[in-house]
Amino acid sequence: MPEAVLQDLQAAGGRIYLVAGGTPFEGEHGQTFLAGIQRLAQYKVEVYLVPVVSNFLSVPVNREWIANVYSLAADIQHEGLINVRGLIGDAEPPLSMPMDILGNEQADFYQAVFGLRDLIATVHREYPGLKVGVTATSAQYLDGFDGDADLSVVMRSPVDPPGGWDYINVMTYSSYFLPAWRAYYVYWVERAMARRYPTTRVSHLIGLVGGGMPGEPLLDFDDLVRDARLSRALGVHEIAVFQLDGALQVFGNDFVRRLTAAVNGPQYDSTVAVPFSRPVSAMFYGLAAADALLDARSWRGLLWLAWAVLSGVLVRRLPAANIHKM
């Protein structure tokens, strides 16, 4: 990475999230990786590492992820990497596996939740300089509004363990939405996250700007700036872009400096228009409705559903019986 980019990161107070392999500091590649982190330390750039697992952080691989966190934390301490401030998991539904609609793996889900709680407590005790955080989609976070984890159980992705993460990041990914929808979507997600976590500083991965999976849509610079300004207006303390190396290729080596100036410059307090989007509104209402339907899996929900069906049958049959007698 050019010196000018590192200087821009330092001036902006930026941090970098890096994927770490299973044995990140071993072999020739490991030494290069280690030297890169140490180089970032010279510019006072904080680093957060992503432990690699065979799938996303989810119920089937949670033990693997926990073991990798412990191993990586020990390596960080052994190498004396003082600018590595935390570890973060990418909590998403496991790839190539069906949803757990019926909740058959609910026991495994909560076992994973408590395992993550114990992990956070252990890292705090044994590695006090490290934080443990998570990134996930808005649906997984907003699932907790009704006091349960129905959607997360279905997705087999435990994102909200008791005790809480040290920091959380929401994958807004506004680049997936039509231009007319994006501002309202970002606004809705960030307002909802502020209400869901009123005492937590939430960071937002606001859109793809370079890299990603083949065929994924990318934000152009103007849309990225608009989303970043909107995040600033809503009090978001940090935005993340994915991926920095791709952004440098698309927008040039002055990307960090240009983005910082566009968002935090003299014009940063200008009004950001947020037009209403009915499709986005319908999407979030649909999410709430799906969560409500999942409540029917509990015995109280089943009783309510049985009462509703029985009442409907009685209302339908009684008038017909009265007419017959007449």
Protein backbone atom coordinates (compact mmCIF):
# COMPACT_ATOMS: atom_id res chain seq x y z
CA MET A 1 0.00 0.00 0.00
CA PRO A 2 1.50 3.38 -0.97
CA GLU A 3 2.81 5.64 1.77
CA ALA A 4 0.34 8.35 0.77
CA VAL A 5 -2.60 6.04 1.47
CA LEU A 6 -1.26 5.19 4.93
CA GLN A 7 -0.78 8.88 5.65
CA ASP A 8 -4.38 9.55 4.59
CA LEU A 9 -5.62 6.73 6.84
CA GLN A 10 -3.67 8.15 9.75
CA ALA A 11 -4.99 11.67 9.15
CA ALA A 12 -8.58 10.38 8.92
CA GLY A 13 -8.26 8.31 12.10
CA GLY A 14 -9.15 5.24 10.07
CA ARG A 15 -8.84 1.60 11.01
CA ILE A 16 -8.47 -1.51 8.87
CA TYR A 17 -10.29 -4.84 9.10
CA LEU A 18 -8.12 -7.68 7.78
CA VAL A 19 -8.94 -11.33 7.17
CA ALA A 20 -6.51 -13.60 9.02
CA GLY A 21 -5.90 -17.16 7.86
CA GLY A 22 -5.86 -20.22 10.09
CA THR A 23 -2.11 -19.77 10.79
CA PRO A 24 -1.68 -16.11 9.81
CA PHE A 25 1.88 -15.59 11.08
CA GLU A 26 3.51 -18.81 9.85
CA GLY A 27 5.66 -19.26 6.76
CA GLU A 28 6.70 -16.66 4.22
CA HIS A 29 3.17 -15.36 3.75
CA GLY A 30 2.77 -15.08 7.52
CA GLN A 31 5.91 -13.01 7.86
CA THR A 32 4.69 -10.68 5.12
CA PHE A 33 1.35 -10.37 6.89
CA LEU A 34 3.09 -9.66 10.20
CA ALA A 35 5.32 -7.01 8.59
CA GLY A 36 2.26 -5.34 7.08
CA ILE A 37 0.53 -5.06 10.47
CA GLN A 38 3.72 -3.68 12.01
CA ARG A 39 3.94 -1.14 9.18
CA LEU A 40 0.40 0.00 9.95
CA ALA A 41 1.45 0.46 13.58
CA GLN A 42 4.05 3.00 12.46
CA TYR A 43 1.18 5.13 11.13
CA LYS A 44 -0.92 4.51 14.26
CA VAL A 45 -3.57 2.68 12.22
CA GLU A 46 -5.61 0.27 14.34
CA VAL A 47 -6.22 -3.23 12.98
CA TYR A 48 -9.14 -5.59 13.59
CA LEU A 49 -8.64 -9.17 12.44
CA VAL A 50 -11.28 -11.55 11.07
CA PRO A 51 -10.63 -15.18 12.14
CA VAL A 52 -11.25 -17.52 9.21
CA VAL A 53 -13.60 -20.51 9.47
CA SER A 54 -14.93 -23.03 6.96
CA ASN A 55 -18.24 -21.14 6.84
CA PHE A 56 -19.68 -17.90 8.18
CA LEU A 57 -19.90 -17.53 11.95
CA SER A 58 -22.97 -19.68 12.51
CA VAL A 59 -24.24 -22.57 14.59
CA PRO A 60 -22.55 -25.38 12.57
CA VAL A 61 -19.07 -23.80 12.88
CA ASN A 62 -19.28 -21.79 16.10
CA ARG A 63 -16.85 -24.07 17.97
CA GLU A 64 -14.37 -23.77 15.11
CA TRP A 65 -14.66 -19.97 15.18
CA ILE A 66 -14.23 -19.84 18.96
CA ALA A 67 -11.11 -22.04 18.78
CA ASN A 68 -9.66 -19.82 16.04
CA VAL A 69 -10.32 -16.70 18.12
CA TYR A 70 -8.38 -18.14 21.06
CA SER A 71 -5.52 -19.20 18.79
CA LEU A 72 -5.39 -15.83 17.04
CA ALA A 73 -5.52 -13.91 20.33
CA ALA A 74 -2.55 -15.93 21.62
CA ASP A 75 -0.61 -15.20 18.42
CA ILE A 76 -1.35 -11.48 18.68
CA GLN A 77 -0.08 -11.42 22.25
CA HIS A 78 3.00 -13.48 21.36
CA GLU A 79 3.93 -11.16 18.47
CA GLY A 80 3.33 -8.04 20.57
CA LEU A 81 0.97 -6.48 18.01
CA ILE A 82 -0.23 -3.53 20.07
CA ASN A 83 -2.14 -1.95 17.17
CA VAL A 84 -4.36 -5.03 16.77
CA ARG A 85 -7.27 -3.94 18.90
CA GLY A 86 -9.91 -6.56 18.24
CA LEU A 87 -11.33 -9.60 16.50
CA ILE A 88 -14.56 -9.65 14.52
CA GLY A 89 -16.80 -12.43 13.24
CA ASP A 90 -18.89 -12.38 10.06
CA ALA A 91 -22.20 -13.75 11.36
CA GLU A 92 -24.38 -14.85 8.47
CA PRO A 93 -26.52 -17.90 7.63
CA PRO A 94 -24.24 -20.84 6.76
CA LEU A 95 -23.65 -21.34 3.06
CA SER A 96 -25.15 -24.36 1.26
CA MET A 97 -27.34 -25.24 4.24
CA PRO A 98 -31.13 -24.92 4.52
CA MET A 99 -32.90 -22.61 6.94
CA ASP A 100 -34.02 -24.15 10.23
CA ILE A 101 -37.67 -23.20 9.74
CA LEU A 102 -39.01 -25.62 12.37
CA GLY A 103 -36.38 -24.76 14.95
CA ASN A 104 -35.06 -28.32 15.16
CA GLU A 105 -31.58 -27.01 16.02
CA GLN A 106 -32.76 -24.47 18.57
CA ALA A 107 -30.88 -26.20 21.38
CA ASP A 108 -27.66 -26.03 19.35
CA PHE A 109 -28.36 -22.37 18.61
CA TYR A 110 -28.56 -21.39 22.26
CA GLN A 111 -25.56 -23.54 23.09
CA ALA A 112 -23.64 -21.49 20.49
CA VAL A 113 -24.95 -18.26 22.02
CA PHE A 114 -23.71 -19.18 25.47
CA GLY A 115 -20.42 -20.40 24.02
CA LEU A 116 -19.91 -16.96 22.48
CA ARG A 117 -20.77 -15.33 25.80
CA ASP A 118 -18.10 -17.40 27.53
CA LEU A 119 -15.63 -16.53 24.76
CA ILE A 120 -16.14 -12.78 25.24
CA ALA A 121 -15.68 -13.09 29.00
CA THR A 122 -12.53 -15.19 28.61
CA VAL A 123 -10.94 -12.80 26.09
CA HIS A 124 -11.66 -9.88 28.43
CA ARG A 125 -9.96 -11.73 31.26
CA GLU A 126 -6.94 -13.21 29.46
CA TYR A 127 -6.39 -10.62 26.71
CA PRO A 128 -7.59 -7.31 28.17
CA GLY A 129 -6.24 -5.31 25.23
CA LEU A 130 -8.49 -7.09 22.72
CA LYS A 131 -12.14 -6.54 21.90
CA VAL A 132 -14.51 -9.05 20.31
CA GLY A 133 -17.14 -7.87 17.86
CA VAL A 134 -19.46 -9.02 15.13
CA THR A 135 -20.83 -7.89 11.79
CA ALA A 136 -24.22 -9.06 10.55
CA THR A 137 -27.21 -7.99 8.49
CA SER A 138 -29.86 -5.66 9.86
CA ALA A 139 -32.46 -8.47 9.99
CA GLN A 140 -30.35 -10.42 12.47
CA TYR A 141 -30.02 -7.43 14.80
CA LEU A 142 -33.59 -6.20 14.52
CA ASP A 143 -34.81 -9.71 15.30
CA GLY A 144 -34.42 -8.86 18.99
CA PHE A 145 -37.00 -6.08 19.02
CA ASP A 146 -39.70 -8.50 20.22
CA GLY A 147 -37.50 -10.04 22.90
CA ASP A 148 -36.71 -13.32 21.16
CA ALA A 149 -34.37 -14.73 18.52
CA ASP A 150 -36.82 -16.35 16.10
CA LEU A 151 -35.24 -15.12 12.89
CA SER A 152 -31.72 -15.83 14.12
CA VAL A 153 -32.72 -19.38 15.03
CA VAL A 154 -34.11 -19.88 11.52
CA MET A 155 -30.93 -18.46 9.98
CA ARG A 156 -28.77 -20.43 12.45
CA SER A 157 -26.73 -17.31 13.04
CA PRO A 158 -26.29 -16.23 16.70
CA VAL A 159 -25.43 -12.52 16.64
CA ASP A 160 -26.59 -11.27 20.05
CA PRO A 161 -25.11 -13.36 22.87
CA PRO A 162 -25.82 -12.55 26.53
CA GLY A 163 -23.18 -10.20 27.86
CA GLY A 164 -22.95 -8.43 24.52
CA TRP A 165 -20.22 -7.84 21.99
CA ASP A 166 -17.66 -5.10 22.55
CA TYR A 167 -18.65 -3.54 19.23
CA ILE A 168 -21.11 -4.31 16.46
CA ASN A 169 -21.21 -3.56 12.77
CA VAL A 170 -24.30 -3.74 10.61
CA MET A 171 -24.03 -4.72 6.94
CA THR A 172 -26.25 -2.11 5.35
CA TYR A 173 -25.01 -2.82 1.80
CA SER A 174 -27.09 -0.08 0.19
CA SER A 175 -25.41 -0.84 -3.14
CA TYR A 176 -27.80 -3.77 -3.54
CA PHE A 177 -30.81 -1.42 -3.74
CA LEU A 178 -32.10 0.75 -6.54
CA PRO A 179 -30.82 4.35 -6.37
CA ALA A 180 -34.30 5.66 -5.48
CA TRP A 181 -34.48 3.30 -2.49
CA ARG A 182 -31.02 3.67 -0.98
CA ALA A 183 -31.32 6.80 1.15
CA TYR A 184 -34.55 5.65 2.81
CA TYR A 185 -33.09 2.19 3.41
CA VAL A 186 -29.94 3.57 5.05
CA TYR A 187 -32.05 5.99 7.11
CA TRP A 188 -34.42 3.23 8.25
CA VAL A 189 -31.64 0.80 9.22
CA GLU A 190 -29.58 3.36 11.11
CA ARG A 191 -32.56 4.75 13.02
CA ALA A 192 -33.65 1.21 13.93
CA MET A 193 -30.15 0.25 15.09
CA ALA A 194 -29.95 3.38 17.26
CA ARG A 195 -33.23 2.39 18.91
CA ARG A 196 -32.23 -1.26 19.26
CA TYR A 197 -28.82 -0.42 20.80
CA PRO A 198 -29.21 3.03 22.43
CA THR A 199 -26.00 2.73 24.50
CA THR A 200 -23.83 1.00 21.88
CA ARG A 201 -21.74 2.72 19.22
CA VAL A 202 -22.74 0.89 16.06
CA SER A 203 -20.61 1.05 12.91
CA HIS A 204 -22.09 0.59 9.45
CA LEU A 205 -20.76 -1.22 6.41
CA ILE A 206 -22.68 1.07 4.08
CA GLY A 207 -21.93 -0.37 0.67
CA LEU A 208 -19.64 -2.19 -1.72
CA VAL A 209 -17.16 0.09 -3.45
CA GLY A 210 -14.67 -2.43 -4.79
CA GLY A 211 -14.08 -6.16 -4.72
CA GLY A 212 -16.76 -8.41 -3.34
CA MET A 213 -18.27 -11.45 -5.02
CA PRO A 214 -18.54 -11.55 -8.83
CA GLY A 215 -21.59 -9.65 -10.06
CA GLU A 216 -22.22 -7.74 -6.84
CA PRO A 217 -23.28 -4.11 -7.48
CA LEU A 218 -20.93 -1.31 -6.46
CA LEU A 219 -21.63 2.22 -5.23
CA ASP A 220 -20.25 5.09 -7.25
CA PHE A 221 -18.42 7.84 -5.40
CA ASP A 222 -21.37 10.26 -5.23
CA ASP A 223 -23.71 7.63 -3.77
CA LEU A 224 -21.05 6.61 -1.27
CA VAL A 225 -20.63 10.22 -0.13
CA ARG A 226 -24.41 10.65 0.15
CA ASP A 227 -24.74 7.54 2.33
CA ALA A 228 -21.78 8.61 4.45
CA ARG A 229 -23.24 12.10 4.98
CA LEU A 230 -26.56 10.58 5.94
CA SER A 231 -24.79 8.31 8.44
CA ARG A 232 -23.04 11.34 9.90
CA ALA A 233 -26.32 13.24 10.24
CA LEU A 234 -27.80 10.27 12.13
CA GLY A 235 -24.89 10.14 14.58
CA VAL A 236 -23.17 7.01 13.29
CA HIS A 237 -19.62 7.01 14.70
CA GLU A 238 -17.98 4.87 12.01
CA ILE A 239 -18.63 3.81 8.44
CA ALA A 240 -16.83 0.94 6.75
CA VAL A 241 -16.28 0.47 3.03
CA PHE A 242 -15.68 -2.85 1.34
CA GLN A 243 -13.05 -3.31 0.07
CA LEU A 244 -10.32 -0.71 0.43
CA ASP A 245 -7.96 -2.26 -2.09
CA GLY A 246 -10.77 -2.40 -4.64
CA ALA A 247 -11.74 1.20 -3.88
CA LEU A 248 -8.17 2.33 -4.49
CA GLN A 249 -8.23 0.61 -7.86
CA VAL A 250 -11.61 2.08 -8.82
CA PHE A 251 -11.27 5.62 -7.44
CA GLY A 252 -7.50 6.10 -7.19
CA ASN A 253 -4.96 6.23 -4.37
CA ASP A 254 -6.46 9.49 -3.08
CA PHE A 255 -9.78 7.73 -2.28
CA VAL A 256 -9.47 8.04 1.53
CA ARG A 257 -8.53 11.72 1.37
CA ARG A 258 -11.31 12.56 -1.11
CA LEU A 259 -13.96 10.69 0.88
CA THR A 260 -12.87 12.30 4.16
CA ALA A 261 -12.97 15.77 2.61
CA ALA A 262 -16.37 15.18 1.00
CA VAL A 263 -17.96 13.92 4.24
CA ASN A 264 -16.17 15.95 6.92
CA GLY A 265 -15.35 19.11 4.97
CA PRO A 266 -16.99 22.53 5.37
CA GLN A 267 -20.07 21.33 3.50
CA TYR A 268 -20.67 18.30 5.77
CA ASP A 269 -23.70 19.90 7.48
CA SER A 270 -25.63 20.29 4.23
CA THR A 271 -29.11 18.76 4.11
CA VAL A 272 -29.39 15.16 2.94
CA ALA A 273 -32.63 14.37 1.12
CA VAL A 274 -34.34 11.14 2.19
CA PRO A 275 -37.29 10.44 -0.12
CA PHE A 276 -39.82 7.89 1.08
CA SER A 277 -39.58 4.46 -0.54
CA ARG A 278 -42.67 2.27 -0.41
CA PRO A 279 -40.81 -0.93 -1.43
CA VAL A 280 -38.30 -0.47 1.39
CA SER A 281 -41.11 0.18 3.85
CA ALA A 282 -42.93 -2.94 2.66
CA MET A 283 -39.74 -4.97 3.00
CA PHE A 284 -39.30 -4.04 6.66
CA TYR A 285 -42.97 -4.58 7.45
CA GLY A 286 -42.64 -7.98 5.78
CA LEU A 287 -39.65 -8.75 7.98
CA ALA A 288 -41.69 -7.87 11.08
CA ALA A 289 -44.59 -10.00 9.84
CA ALA A 290 -42.31 -12.99 9.24
CA ASP A 291 -40.91 -12.62 12.74
CA ALA A 292 -44.44 -12.48 14.16
CA LEU A 293 -45.43 -15.66 12.30
CA LEU A 294 -42.46 -17.46 13.78
CA ASP A 295 -43.83 -16.70 17.24
CA ALA A 296 -46.59 -19.21 16.45
CA ARG A 297 -44.07 -22.00 16.99
CA SER A 298 -44.25 -21.46 20.77
CA TRP A 299 -47.07 -23.07 22.77
CA ARG A 300 -48.64 -19.65 23.45
CA GLY A 301 -48.49 -18.86 19.77
CA LEU A 302 -50.05 -22.20 18.90
CA LEU A 303 -52.89 -21.60 21.38
CA TRP A 304 -53.49 -18.16 19.87
CA LEU A 305 -53.48 -19.62 16.36
CA ALA A 306 -55.87 -22.43 17.38
CA TRP A 307 -58.21 -19.89 19.00
CA ALA A 308 -58.15 -17.73 15.86
CA VAL A 309 -58.90 -20.70 13.58
CA LEU A 310 -61.67 -22.02 15.86
CA SER A 311 -63.25 -18.56 16.15
CA GLY A 312 -63.20 -18.23 12.38
CA VAL A 313 -64.91 -21.59 11.96
CA LEU A 314 -67.62 -20.74 14.51
CA VAL A 315 -68.29 -17.33 12.96
CA ARG A 316 -68.61 -18.95 9.55
CA ARG A 317 -70.87 -21.83 10.66
CA LEU A 318 -73.28 -20.15 13.11
CA PRO A 319 -74.98 -17.79 10.68
CA ALA A 320 -75.44 -20.65 8.23
CA ALA A 321 -77.08 -22.79 10.94
CA ASN A 322 -79.48 -19.99 11.91
CA ILE A 323 -80.54 -19.47 8.34
CA HIS A 324 -81.22 -23.21 7.96
CA LYS A 325 -83.54 -23.23 10.98
CA MET A 326 -85.51 -20.28 9.69
